[in-house]
Every structure is written in C-alpha cells, then in structure tokens.
Protein backbone atom coordinates (compact mmCIF):
# COMPACT_ATOMS: atom_id res chain seq x y z
CA MET A 1 0.30 0.07 0.45
CA ALA A 2 1.29 3.57 -0.81
CA GLU A 3 1.74 6.41 1.25
CA VAL A 4 -1.88 7.50 2.93
CA SER A 5 -0.36 10.31 4.82
CA LYS A 6 2.42 12.43 5.03
CA GLY A 7 5.02 10.79 7.69
CA MET A 8 2.65 7.15 7.45
CA SER A 9 3.43 3.96 6.02
CA SER A 10 1.46 1.05 5.54
CA ALA A 11 2.60 -0.48 8.61
CA ASP A 12 2.11 2.26 10.97
CA LEU A 13 -1.76 2.52 9.18
CA GLU A 14 -2.29 -0.97 10.07
CA ASP A 15 -0.76 -0.84 13.40
CA THR A 16 -2.96 2.43 14.46
CA HIS A 17 -5.69 0.70 12.59
CA SER A 18 -6.03 -2.50 14.65
CA ILE A 19 -5.56 0.32 17.95
CA LYS A 20 -8.61 1.76 17.02
CA ILE A 21 -11.26 -0.89 16.37
CA GLY A 22 -9.74 -2.96 18.97
CA GLU A 23 -11.62 -6.05 19.42
CA VAL A 24 -14.60 -4.82 17.15
CA ALA A 25 -15.86 -8.07 15.21
CA PRO A 26 -14.35 -7.62 11.19
CA ALA A 27 -17.37 -8.10 10.12
CA ASP A 28 -18.26 -5.17 12.48
CA VAL A 29 -16.03 -2.79 10.26
CA ASP A 30 -16.64 -1.23 7.61
CA VAL A 31 -14.04 -1.36 4.45
CA ALA A 32 -12.95 2.23 5.23
CA ALA A 33 -12.16 1.66 8.28
CA ALA A 34 -8.34 1.07 7.59
CA TYR A 35 -8.12 5.26 6.44
CA ALA A 36 -9.98 6.22 9.03
CA HIS A 37 -8.49 8.55 11.94
CA HIS A 38 -4.89 9.68 10.10
CA LEU A 39 -6.23 12.71 8.59
CA SER A 40 -5.30 15.16 11.68
CA GLY A 41 -2.74 17.39 13.12
CA GLU A 42 0.01 18.45 10.51
CA ASN A 43 -1.05 14.99 7.94
CA ALA A 44 -4.52 17.25 7.92
CA TYR A 45 -5.63 17.93 4.21
CA THR A 46 -6.26 21.39 2.85
CA ARG A 47 -9.02 23.28 1.48
CA LYS A 48 -7.43 22.77 -1.93
CA GLU A 49 -6.80 19.04 -1.62
CA ALA A 50 -10.17 18.51 -1.02
CA THR A 51 -11.92 20.73 -3.56
CA GLN A 52 -9.17 19.51 -6.45
CA LEU A 53 -10.17 15.39 -5.46
CA ARG A 54 -14.22 16.64 -5.70
CA TRP A 55 -13.46 17.53 -9.35
CA ARG A 56 -11.48 14.87 -9.94
CA LEU A 57 -14.65 12.85 -8.41
CA ASP A 58 -17.04 14.48 -9.95
CA LEU A 59 -15.59 14.27 -13.95
CA ARG A 60 -14.52 10.29 -13.35
CA LEU A 61 -17.96 9.19 -11.38
CA VAL A 62 -21.04 11.95 -12.56
CA PRO A 63 -20.71 10.92 -16.44
CA LEU A 64 -20.45 7.32 -15.52
CA LEU A 65 -23.38 7.85 -13.08
CA TRP A 66 -25.70 9.86 -15.30
CA PHE A 67 -25.41 7.28 -18.37
CA ASN A 68 -26.28 4.12 -16.34
CA ILE A 69 -29.54 6.36 -15.68
CA THR A 70 -30.34 8.08 -18.88
CA LEU A 71 -29.92 4.83 -20.51
CA GLY A 72 -31.95 3.02 -18.16
CA ALA A 73 -34.77 5.55 -19.17
CA MET A 74 -33.89 5.11 -22.54
CA ASP A 75 -34.30 1.57 -23.17
CA LYS A 76 -37.38 0.80 -20.73
CA VAL A 77 -39.49 3.04 -22.71
CA THR A 78 -38.90 2.32 -25.86
CA THR A 79 -41.69 0.66 -26.36
CA ALA A 80 -43.41 3.64 -26.31
CA THR A 81 -41.31 5.08 -29.19
CA ALA A 82 -42.40 2.05 -31.18
CA ALA A 83 -45.78 2.12 -30.33
CA LEU A 84 -45.88 5.00 -32.85
CA TYR A 85 -44.49 2.64 -35.21
CA GLY A 86 -46.76 0.05 -35.91
CA PHE A 87 -45.32 -2.19 -32.72
CA ARG A 88 -48.89 -2.27 -31.18
CA THR A 89 -50.50 -4.14 -34.51
CA ASP A 90 -47.79 -6.12 -35.57
CA THR A 91 -47.60 -7.88 -31.65
CA GLY A 92 -50.97 -7.71 -31.31
CA LEU A 93 -51.32 -5.53 -28.83
CA THR A 94 -54.86 -4.90 -28.97
CA GLY A 95 -57.05 -3.33 -26.38
CA ASP A 96 -55.58 -3.04 -22.83
CA ARG A 97 -52.17 -5.22 -23.93
CA TYR A 98 -50.45 -2.31 -24.76
CA SER A 99 -50.20 -1.14 -21.31
CA TRP A 100 -49.62 -4.51 -19.66
CA VAL A 101 -46.35 -4.39 -21.67
CA GLY A 102 -45.74 -1.70 -19.88
CA SER A 103 -46.42 -3.31 -16.57
CA ALA A 104 -44.98 -5.93 -17.68
CA PHE A 105 -41.13 -4.38 -16.74
CA TYR A 106 -42.11 -3.66 -13.38
CA PHE A 107 -43.00 -6.85 -12.44
CA GLY A 108 -39.71 -8.29 -13.18
CA TYR A 109 -38.24 -4.85 -11.56
CA LEU A 110 -40.54 -6.07 -8.28
CA PHE A 111 -39.86 -9.37 -8.26
CA TRP A 112 -35.93 -8.98 -8.52
CA CYS A 113 -35.34 -5.60 -5.91
CA LEU A 114 -34.60 -7.46 -2.91
CA PRO A 115 -32.36 -10.09 -4.64
CA SER A 116 -30.93 -7.13 -6.29
CA GLY A 117 -29.64 -5.76 -3.32
CA SER A 118 -28.75 -8.73 -1.77
CA LEU A 119 -26.17 -9.19 -5.37
CA LEU A 120 -25.05 -5.47 -4.48
CA GLN A 121 -23.87 -5.96 -0.99
CA ARG A 122 -22.10 -9.77 -2.67
CA PHE A 123 -20.50 -8.27 -5.32
CA PRO A 124 -18.68 -5.74 -6.78
CA ILE A 125 -20.85 -3.37 -6.94
CA ALA A 126 -19.31 -2.22 -10.88
CA LYS A 127 -19.06 -5.60 -12.32
CA LEU A 128 -22.57 -6.75 -11.76
CA MET A 129 -23.55 -3.30 -12.92
CA PHE A 130 -21.39 -4.73 -16.30
CA VAL A 131 -22.97 -8.15 -16.37
CA VAL A 132 -26.06 -6.83 -16.01
CA GLN A 133 -26.28 -4.26 -18.63
CA LEU A 134 -24.50 -7.01 -20.75
CA LEU A 135 -27.51 -9.04 -20.53
CA TRP A 136 -29.60 -6.28 -20.99
CA GLY A 137 -28.96 -4.84 -24.31
CA CYS A 138 -29.04 -8.96 -25.65
CA ILE A 139 -32.76 -8.69 -24.53
CA LEU A 140 -32.93 -5.27 -26.05
CA ILE A 141 -31.74 -6.82 -29.19
CA ALA A 142 -34.42 -10.02 -28.55
CA THR A 143 -37.68 -7.64 -28.35
CA GLY A 144 -36.87 -6.53 -31.86
CA PHE A 145 -37.28 -10.05 -33.10
CA SER A 146 -40.92 -10.21 -30.99
CA ASN A 147 -44.06 -11.18 -32.56
CA ASN A 148 -46.44 -11.97 -30.14
CA PHE A 149 -48.34 -10.76 -27.16
CA PRO A 150 -46.47 -13.33 -24.85
CA THR A 151 -43.24 -12.69 -26.00
CA LEU A 152 -43.30 -9.63 -25.05
CA ILE A 153 -44.19 -9.77 -21.63
CA ALA A 154 -41.44 -12.06 -20.81
CA LEU A 155 -38.74 -9.99 -22.33
CA ARG A 156 -40.20 -7.00 -20.55
CA VAL A 157 -39.91 -9.03 -17.34
CA LEU A 158 -36.62 -9.97 -17.59
CA LEU A 159 -35.64 -6.76 -18.28
CA GLY A 160 -36.88 -5.27 -15.97
CA ALA A 161 -35.09 -7.87 -13.42
CA LEU A 162 -32.09 -6.74 -15.04
CA GLU A 163 -32.20 -2.99 -14.61
CA ALA A 164 -33.28 -3.62 -10.83
CA PRO A 165 -30.36 -2.66 -9.08
CA ILE A 166 -28.78 0.21 -11.58
CA VAL A 167 -30.39 2.85 -9.73
CA PRO A 168 -29.78 1.76 -5.58
CA GLY A 169 -26.34 0.99 -6.86
CA ASN A 170 -25.73 4.24 -8.35
CA PHE A 171 -27.25 5.62 -4.78
CA LEU A 172 -24.96 3.36 -3.07
CA ILE A 173 -21.35 4.69 -5.06
CA ILE A 174 -23.01 8.02 -4.44
CA GLY A 175 -22.95 7.28 -1.08
CA MET A 176 -19.63 5.93 -0.27
CA TRP A 177 -18.11 9.05 -2.70
CA TYR A 178 -19.61 11.70 -1.57
CA PRO A 179 -20.23 13.04 2.27
CA ARG A 180 -24.71 14.30 2.68
CA ARG A 181 -23.55 17.72 2.06
CA GLU A 182 -21.90 17.45 -1.14
CA GLN A 183 -24.75 14.42 -2.57
CA PRO A 184 -27.63 16.41 -3.79
CA LEU A 185 -26.19 17.86 -6.51
CA ARG A 186 -23.99 14.87 -7.71
CA THR A 187 -27.11 13.12 -7.32
CA GLY A 188 -29.15 15.85 -9.44
CA LEU A 189 -26.51 15.63 -11.99
CA MET A 190 -26.96 11.76 -12.28
CA TYR A 191 -30.70 11.87 -12.97
CA THR A 192 -31.74 13.52 -15.34
CA GLY A 193 -34.88 13.22 -18.26
CA LEU A 194 -32.32 13.58 -21.29
CA SER A 195 -33.11 10.40 -21.87
CA VAL A 196 -34.96 11.97 -24.54
CA CYS A 197 -32.18 13.69 -26.18
CA PHE A 198 -31.64 10.45 -27.15
CA THR A 199 -35.20 8.62 -28.09
CA GLY A 200 -35.98 11.37 -30.16
CA PRO A 201 -33.91 11.73 -32.77
CA ILE A 202 -33.27 7.54 -32.32
CA GLY A 203 -37.63 7.77 -32.85
CA TYR A 204 -37.33 10.39 -35.47
CA GLY A 205 -34.75 8.67 -37.52
CA ILE A 206 -36.20 5.21 -37.95
CA GLY A 207 -39.26 6.94 -39.63
CA PHE A 208 -37.18 7.74 -42.65
CA LEU A 209 -36.42 3.66 -42.90
CA ALA A 210 -37.84 2.11 -45.60
CA GLY A 211 -40.46 -1.14 -44.97
CA GLU A 212 -43.07 -1.64 -43.00
CA HIS A 213 -41.28 -2.76 -39.39
CA GLN A 214 -39.37 0.55 -38.59
CA TRP A 215 -39.80 0.02 -34.48
CA ARG A 216 -37.93 -3.02 -34.75
CA ALA A 217 -34.87 -0.78 -35.21
CA MET A 218 -35.71 0.79 -32.42
CA PHE A 219 -35.02 -2.02 -30.26
CA TRP A 220 -31.98 -3.05 -31.67
CA ILE A 221 -30.47 0.31 -31.54
CA THR A 222 -30.49 0.60 -28.02
CA GLY A 223 -29.88 -2.81 -27.45
CA ALA A 224 -26.44 -2.61 -29.14
CA MET A 225 -25.98 1.16 -27.47
CA THR A 226 -26.08 -1.05 -24.14
CA ILE A 227 -23.63 -3.51 -25.14
CA VAL A 228 -20.67 -1.16 -26.16
CA TRP A 229 -21.22 0.62 -22.51
CA ALA A 230 -21.47 -2.21 -20.60
CA CYS A 231 -18.11 -2.78 -21.72
CA ILE A 232 -17.05 0.72 -20.82
CA LEU A 233 -18.24 0.66 -17.60
CA VAL A 234 -16.69 -2.25 -16.43
CA LEU A 235 -13.36 -0.41 -17.21
CA PHE A 236 -14.22 2.84 -16.10
CA LEU A 237 -16.42 2.47 -12.79
CA PRO A 238 -14.53 1.83 -9.26
CA ASP A 239 -16.76 -0.67 -7.03
CA ASN A 240 -15.29 1.71 -3.84
CA PRO A 241 -13.09 4.16 -2.88
CA VAL A 242 -10.72 1.63 -1.10
CA SER A 243 -10.27 -0.29 -4.49
CA ALA A 244 -10.40 2.14 -6.92
CA LYS A 245 -7.25 3.01 -8.93
CA PHE A 246 -7.90 6.88 -10.32
CA VAL A 247 -7.03 7.81 -6.59
CA THR A 248 -4.15 8.26 -4.52
CA GLU A 249 -3.91 6.90 -0.83
CA ARG A 250 -3.89 9.75 0.81
CA GLN A 251 -7.01 11.36 -1.69
CA LYS A 252 -9.19 7.55 -0.31
CA ALA A 253 -7.88 9.02 3.49
CA ILE A 254 -9.34 11.87 2.26
CA VAL A 255 -12.48 10.57 0.51
CA ILE A 256 -12.98 8.16 3.71
CA GLU A 257 -12.41 11.13 6.54
CA LYS A 258 -15.22 12.93 4.71
CA ILE A 259 -17.73 10.43 5.09
CA ARG A 260 -16.82 9.86 8.49
CA GLN A 261 -18.48 12.46 10.19
CA ASP A 262 -22.16 11.32 8.65
CA GLN A 263 -21.33 8.14 10.32
CA THR A 264 -22.71 6.66 7.42
CA GLY A 265 -20.35 4.23 6.77
CA VAL A 266 -19.09 3.72 3.32
CA GLU A 267 -19.52 -0.98 2.86
CA ASN A 268 -19.92 -4.17 4.60
CA LYS A 269 -20.07 -6.99 2.32
CA THR A 270 -21.18 -8.69 5.84
CA PHE A 271 -24.94 -9.37 5.65
CA LYS A 272 -26.81 -8.30 9.11
CA ARG A 273 -30.18 -9.81 9.83
CA ASP A 274 -30.61 -7.63 12.50
CA GLN A 275 -30.45 -5.02 10.35
CA MET A 276 -32.86 -6.14 7.72
CA ILE A 277 -34.86 -6.85 10.85
CA GLU A 278 -34.96 -3.32 11.58
CA ALA A 279 -35.10 -1.89 7.67
CA PHE A 280 -39.17 -3.54 7.93
CA THR A 281 -39.67 -2.18 11.35
CA ASP A 282 -38.26 2.02 10.63
CA PRO A 283 -41.10 4.20 10.86
CA LYS A 284 -39.02 6.26 8.07
CA THR A 285 -39.10 3.04 5.87
CA TRP A 286 -42.32 3.04 5.58
CA LEU A 287 -43.17 6.45 5.08
CA MET A 288 -40.80 6.61 2.45
CA PHE A 289 -42.25 3.45 0.79
CA PHE A 290 -45.85 5.00 0.41
CA PHE A 291 -44.39 8.45 -0.81
CA HIS A 292 -42.37 6.33 -3.61
CA ILE A 293 -45.73 4.98 -4.21
CA TRP A 294 -47.99 8.14 -4.86
CA ILE A 295 -44.84 10.25 -6.45
CA SER A 296 -44.45 7.23 -8.78
CA ILE A 297 -47.97 7.51 -10.55
CA PRO A 298 -47.02 10.55 -12.71
CA ASN A 299 -43.71 8.17 -14.43
CA GLY A 300 -45.54 5.03 -15.24
CA GLY A 301 -48.43 6.90 -16.81
CA LEU A 302 -46.86 9.41 -18.74
CA THR A 303 -43.55 7.80 -19.98
CA ASN A 304 -46.00 5.36 -21.62
CA PHE A 305 -48.69 7.20 -22.78
CA THR A 306 -47.09 11.35 -23.87
CA PRO A 307 -46.18 10.29 -27.19
CA LEU A 308 -49.88 8.64 -28.01
CA ILE A 309 -51.21 11.84 -26.16
CA ILE A 310 -49.64 14.03 -28.18
CA LYS A 311 -49.92 12.47 -31.26
CA GLY A 312 -53.92 11.64 -30.76
CA LEU A 313 -53.37 15.74 -30.60
CA GLY A 314 -53.40 15.65 -34.16
CA TYR A 315 -49.25 15.17 -34.98
CA THR A 316 -47.55 12.78 -37.25
CA ALA A 317 -45.47 10.01 -35.50
CA GLN A 318 -42.77 11.33 -36.53
CA ARG A 319 -43.35 14.73 -35.10
CA SER A 320 -44.72 13.23 -32.07
CA THR A 321 -41.00 11.31 -31.13
CA LEU A 322 -39.42 15.25 -31.33
CA LEU A 323 -42.20 16.57 -29.26
CA THR A 324 -41.86 14.12 -26.48
CA MET A 325 -38.06 15.54 -26.14
CA PRO A 326 -39.66 18.41 -24.01
CA THR A 327 -40.36 16.25 -21.44
CA GLY A 328 -36.86 15.58 -20.69
CA ILE A 329 -36.24 18.90 -20.25
CA MET A 330 -38.71 19.62 -17.93
CA GLN A 331 -37.77 17.10 -16.30
CA THR A 332 -33.77 17.83 -16.18
CA VAL A 333 -34.95 21.31 -15.29
CA ALA A 334 -36.92 19.74 -12.16
CA SER A 335 -33.87 17.64 -11.30
CA TYR A 336 -31.64 20.91 -11.16
CA MET A 337 -33.78 22.82 -9.42
CA CYS A 338 -34.65 20.66 -6.67
CA ASN A 339 -30.90 19.22 -5.95
CA GLY A 340 -29.57 22.67 -6.69
CA GLY A 341 -32.19 24.10 -4.43
CA VAL A 342 -31.34 21.37 -1.34
CA PHE A 343 -27.43 21.88 -2.06
CA LEU A 344 -27.34 25.61 -1.75
CA CYS A 345 -29.75 25.53 1.78
CA ALA A 346 -27.19 22.45 3.62
CA LYS A 347 -24.71 25.11 1.94
CA TYR A 348 -26.03 28.05 4.27
CA PHE A 349 -28.36 26.69 6.23
CA PRO A 350 -26.82 23.57 7.37
CA ALA A 351 -28.94 23.25 10.18
CA LYS A 352 -32.38 23.50 8.37
CA GLN A 353 -31.32 21.76 4.77
CA LEU A 354 -35.30 22.23 3.77
CA ARG A 355 -35.13 18.56 1.56
CA THR A 356 -38.69 18.60 1.94
CA ALA A 357 -39.38 21.85 1.69
CA TRP A 358 -37.71 21.04 -2.38
CA VAL A 359 -39.95 18.24 -2.21
CA MET A 360 -43.12 20.05 -1.84
CA PHE A 361 -42.38 22.94 -4.00
CA GLY A 362 -41.51 20.21 -7.19
CA ILE A 363 -44.87 18.58 -5.57
CA ILE A 364 -47.20 21.64 -6.03
CA ILE A 365 -46.59 22.94 -9.65
CA GLY A 366 -46.94 19.24 -11.12
CA MET A 367 -50.06 19.49 -9.01
CA ILE A 368 -50.96 22.91 -11.22
CA SER A 369 -49.62 21.02 -14.33
CA ALA A 370 -51.77 18.26 -13.53
CA VAL A 371 -55.32 20.36 -13.20
CA PHE A 372 -54.42 21.91 -16.29
CA LEU A 373 -54.23 18.89 -18.33
CA TYR A 374 -57.64 17.61 -16.85
CA VAL A 375 -59.18 20.35 -17.56
CA LEU A 376 -58.34 21.95 -20.41
CA PRO A 377 -60.35 21.26 -23.31
CA LEU A 378 -58.89 18.72 -26.33
CA ASP A 379 -58.64 21.49 -28.91
CA ASN A 380 -56.79 23.57 -26.73
CA TYR A 381 -53.00 22.14 -28.75
CA ASN A 382 -50.52 24.98 -26.57
CA GLY A 383 -52.13 24.53 -23.82
CA ARG A 384 -52.66 21.04 -23.20
CA LEU A 385 -48.60 20.19 -24.71
CA ALA A 386 -47.24 23.11 -22.19
CA ALA A 387 -49.38 21.37 -19.33
CA LEU A 388 -48.48 17.81 -20.34
CA TYR A 389 -44.91 19.12 -20.45
CA CYS A 390 -45.00 20.37 -16.93
CA SER A 391 -46.34 17.79 -15.48
CA TYR A 392 -42.95 16.23 -15.73
CA PHE A 393 -41.83 18.16 -12.53
CA TYR A 394 -42.73 15.50 -10.59
CA LEU A 395 -38.70 13.77 -11.35
CA GLY A 396 -37.39 16.98 -9.40
CA PRO A 397 -39.69 15.72 -5.58
CA TYR A 398 -38.60 12.00 -6.44
CA ILE A 399 -35.02 12.30 -6.85
CA VAL A 400 -34.30 14.56 -3.95
CA ALA A 401 -36.22 11.84 -2.00
CA LEU A 402 -33.96 9.55 -3.05
CA GLY A 403 -31.23 11.24 -1.87
CA ILE A 404 -33.10 11.84 1.83
CA ASN A 405 -33.44 8.14 1.83
CA THR A 406 -30.10 7.37 1.19
CA ALA A 407 -28.36 10.07 3.31
CA ASN A 408 -30.95 9.19 6.10
CA THR A 409 -30.19 5.15 5.95
CA ALA A 410 -26.93 3.99 8.32
CA GLY A 411 -25.89 0.56 8.38
CA HIS A 412 -24.83 -1.54 4.85
CA THR A 413 -27.66 -3.84 5.16
CA LYS A 414 -29.93 -1.34 6.29
CA LYS A 415 -29.26 0.41 3.10
CA VAL A 416 -29.63 -1.73 0.66
CA THR A 417 -33.00 -3.08 2.21
CA VAL A 418 -34.63 -0.02 2.14
CA ASN A 419 -33.10 0.74 -1.14
CA ALA A 420 -34.79 -2.35 -2.12
CA LEU A 421 -38.69 -1.03 -0.78
CA VAL A 422 -38.52 1.52 -2.46
CA PHE A 423 -37.46 0.58 -5.73
CA ILE A 424 -40.92 -2.09 -4.72
CA ALA A 425 -42.69 0.69 -4.26
CA TYR A 426 -41.46 2.64 -7.26
CA CYS A 427 -42.56 -1.21 -9.38
CA VAL A 428 -45.40 -0.47 -7.94
CA SER A 429 -46.80 2.39 -8.14
CA ASN A 430 -45.41 1.20 -12.53
CA ILE A 431 -47.17 -1.39 -12.34
CA ILE A 432 -50.64 0.24 -11.08
CA ALA A 433 -50.40 3.74 -13.47
CA PRO A 434 -51.10 2.30 -17.15
CA GLN A 435 -53.90 0.73 -15.94
CA PHE A 436 -55.78 4.09 -15.70
CA PHE A 437 -55.16 4.64 -18.88
CA LYS A 438 -57.95 3.35 -20.74
CA ALA A 439 -57.57 3.02 -24.56
CA ASP A 440 -61.23 3.67 -24.85
CA GLN A 441 -60.43 7.26 -23.17
CA ALA A 442 -57.65 8.05 -25.56
CA PRO A 443 -56.26 10.54 -25.93
CA LEU A 444 -57.94 12.78 -23.44
CA TYR A 445 -56.96 9.62 -20.68
CA PRO A 446 -59.46 11.77 -18.14
CA LEU A 447 -58.96 8.61 -15.51
CA GLY A 448 -55.43 8.54 -15.35
CA MET A 449 -55.12 12.56 -15.74
CA GLY A 450 -57.34 12.05 -12.65
CA ALA A 451 -54.72 9.61 -10.57
CA VAL A 452 -52.32 11.87 -11.28
CA LEU A 453 -53.60 14.39 -9.41
CA GLY A 454 -54.31 12.64 -6.93
CA SER A 455 -50.71 10.97 -6.47
CA TYR A 456 -49.57 14.15 -5.69
CA VAL A 457 -51.69 15.27 -3.10
CA LEU A 458 -51.11 11.78 -1.31
CA SER A 459 -47.13 12.58 -1.47
CA MET A 460 -47.70 15.45 -0.38
CA ILE A 461 -49.75 14.49 2.65
CA THR A 462 -46.59 11.93 3.01
CA ILE A 463 -43.59 13.45 2.70
CA ALA A 464 -44.69 16.16 5.37
CA MET A 465 -45.26 13.09 8.18
CA TYR A 466 -42.03 11.81 7.08
CA ALA A 467 -40.49 15.25 8.19
CA THR A 468 -41.97 15.81 10.95
CA TYR A 469 -40.69 12.31 12.23
CA CYS A 470 -37.07 13.40 11.45
CA TRP A 471 -37.43 16.46 13.36
CA TYR A 472 -38.57 14.91 15.98
CA GLU A 473 -36.57 12.28 16.41
CA ASN A 474 -33.27 14.77 16.22
CA ARG A 475 -35.31 16.57 19.21
CA ARG A 476 -34.96 13.16 21.30
CA ARG A 477 -31.29 12.76 20.33
CA HIS A 478 -30.25 15.98 21.03
CA ARG A 479 -31.99 15.86 25.05
CA ILE A 480 -30.07 12.23 25.37
CA ASP A 481 -26.44 13.00 23.72
CA ALA A 482 -24.05 14.00 26.13
CA ASP A 483 -22.27 15.25 23.60
CA LYS A 484 -23.70 18.15 22.38
CA GLY A 485 -20.82 19.71 20.11
CA GLY A 486 -21.86 17.66 17.03
CA ARG A 487 -18.52 16.35 16.57
CA ALA A 488 -18.46 13.29 15.01
CA HIS A 489 -17.32 10.28 17.13
CA ALA A 490 -14.75 7.08 16.61
CA ASP A 491 -16.35 5.02 18.77
CA THR A 492 -18.92 4.65 15.92
CA ASP A 493 -18.11 5.85 12.88
CA PHE A 494 -16.84 3.29 11.40
CA ARG A 495 -18.52 0.13 13.16
CA ASP A 496 -21.59 -0.24 10.74
CA LEU A 497 -23.53 0.81 13.08
CA THR A 498 -27.65 1.74 11.99
CA ASP A 499 -29.21 5.24 12.12
CA LYS A 500 -30.65 3.69 15.00
CA GLN A 501 -28.34 2.25 16.84
CA ASN A 502 -26.53 5.09 16.36
CA LEU A 503 -27.21 7.52 18.57
CA HIS A 504 -25.10 10.24 17.71
CA PHE A 505 -26.43 10.44 13.45
CA ARG A 506 -29.20 12.87 12.82
CA TYR A 507 -31.32 12.89 10.00
CA VAL A 508 -32.01 15.35 7.52
CA TRP A 509 -35.26 16.29 6.36
C-alpha cells in the first residue's frame, strides 16, 4: 500500500487501525475503517486538496452514473416510441395489452428488487452492473425480433429484473464517495430526463427507414448501445473508494474522512439479519415506501402514454417523437432546480437543509400542471402540450426523496434493504399507473390524469409526515446525547451501525 499521509507508512496505518478498532469483530467493521483517523494535525488535508479531489471525482463518477440512469430510462420506454411505428399492430397489442406490456417491465423489477439488493452487497458493484447491462442489451435486441404478446411480456419482465440493481447501485456509489452535504448536487446531475435526447432523434430517424416494421430498429439500436456501454463501464467505474485505482492512497483517506463525519459508513460485505429486521420496523422506511408509490404514478402513466397523447392531438408519428423531447428537458430542469436548491440550503443553512420543502415545491408545480391537463379542452393544443410538459416536474421531488432516503439510512445491510423496498414501491406504482390510462379514453385519458392529480396530493401529505418524524427524532436524540458539540464520534463512525443504533446520527429533512 502506498503512503496514505505525510510521514505515515502502510505498516503505521495497519498498527494504528488495530488500536482504533480494538476488539471489534471484522464483520462489524466497514471496509473504509483502515483509512479513518489519519488526517489530523500536521497530516490534515487542505481545502485546496479537497476541492481538487472533488473535481476529480465529479469528472470521473458523475458522467458514468448519469449515463447509467439515462440508458436505463431510454431502454425501458423504447416501447413508447415503437408504438408510433406499428409496434402494437405487428405484435397484436389489442385492447389494454399495450398497458400490460408497460407494466410487465415493473413486474420483473419488483420480483428482483430484494435479491438485487443482496447481490449489490455481496458482489463488487461495478462488475455486477457490467454483467446485468450486457444481458439487458441482449434482451433489447431480442425484443426487436418478437411478434406476439406472450413473448413481449416475458422479455419485458426479464428486462425489468436486469435493471433492478442499477439505480440502487448508483445511489450506493454516491453515498460511498460523497458526504451528505455534497450528495444532492451530484444526485441531480446524475438523475435527469435527458434520455429523450436519445430516444427522440433515434425515433425520428427510424421514421425514414424503408419497410413496414421500422419499430424493430428502435430495439436493435438501443440494445447495441447498451452492450457497448457495459464494456465502457467495467473499465472506468470503481467498486468502492478503497479499491479505486484512479485516486491516491491519501486521496482515499480524504474521501473516508469526509464520509466519517456523517456516521453513514461506506461499505460492509457482511449480511446482518438484525439490520434487515430494523429496516422493516422503522417508520421512516414505510413513510418513504408510500411516498414513492404516490410520486411514481405520473412516471408510470406518462412515460408510456405521452407519445400517444401527443399523437392524439393531431401530430404525425415522426413529429410526435420530437415533441416528446421537451418532457425530458422539463425533468432535467426539475432535477437541477430541486437538487440545486437542496445543495444551496445545505451549504448556507446547514442546520435547516429544507430538503422536504423542495420536495413539496416540486409537487405543487406538478399538481398545478395536472389540474390544467385535466380541465383544458382537447382542442387547446398549445395549452395541453404546455401542461403535459410541466406535469413532468415530478422527477425533481422524486430524486430529492431518493437522496433523503440515502442520507438518512446507515448500516450497509439496512441501506440495501431500504433501497430495495423503495424501488419495490416504485415498481408497484409503475405497474398500477398504466392501468388508469384506458384505451377507450384516448387521447384525453381523464381517469389517468385524475390519478396523477390524486398522487400528488397523497405525496404532499406523506412527505410532511416523514419530515415531522425526522424532526421529532432529532430533538429526542439531542436531549439524550451527552456530546452536544455535534462532532464525529470515533467509536461509532465505521462500526457499520444503523441510524437507529447510533444515537450520534442526525436525520436530514
């Protein structure tokens, strides 16, 4: 091992580590424990070092994580673009079968959420992502050859199962490399709606292809892109800070020191049954679970039906693919605005980060848009398009809530369990949502728009309850914590304790 800090060798590091950890069993120690507590006094890192390292991490990690999310968002809605080019007719998707093809993806996702959480803890994250993306690229290519409803259902279920580890894995990586105050901005940069900047031009381009089955090319192109990306990812994405090769040993210690103050830990490969049980009995888990059921209703309905809604306003198939692109721009604006607001509040008002306030802000915008989309007449083309675009503002609150969930959960087994439950909620919501969009109600879909509006109201109530619980719990901990200075505690920072076990832990809301 190379030198970690000035005047400190690998042997010194190991000796000091053994003193720090003492009698703690290896299973209870975080993988980052060996790098903790060694950057104090004359070895302390400078602000300049921290800034340079942050830029290095941002330039390496954020683009990789961004395209992970973008690729997944693009691949799972390929059916929406294909539907504009005869996909439903060629594969016999009569009645509400198209809605079930949209829902099938989330059945696979739902089934594999908890197993994928276990895999994320057991195996190196980057290597696992490489394997699943390689396989899902093959599934997409196979979808381009499908001709009937049963085959489509089977392939979409498999695709959903393969995507299940991606977003939770991304959030685990963000939590490994960045302290809580730096996570919101990176989360916003990582999670955008810019997949439409790929699906829109690709969908427009395949309209020029000769033949009667242009929709097949949509799956072949996106499948090939996924396979190529999987090969890039395995070369450049590290599994964790300890094994990363693009940073020095001292830079690893700086990363760990910044994470240490949050008491969230980095990674522990030992499954702990008590942490899983705690995840299921924690009120925060279920408040966040139900919040994600409500907030994902717009996603499940709109992502599958927006191209058809726009086409129903009188536009051609090719024009409709281009007119879907502003929806992604609106999602990105929502992500940047809400997460940027959280970042600025965390920087200038660390005692009151107001994360749930930004969630509510985004929900209000989506709610107003849903009202207009519900009441505007069908012949008000410009008004309905504007309302449709603004209704995609749900992504901002959704991403901020994912960040809150990551920041408020400690203990690695508990993290992966809670993440899995949150994405189970996401799947349940996306299975339910397309069923509100009835084929005989096209293109207005009044029942679907009413469901979107109701989901925003329920989201507002649930996130308010979550904030109240965190506020109450922090006040309780302040009263019983003997150390009121708020400094990090050396006895708990890398013991892989959960947020409930560690009374020094404070929730952000």
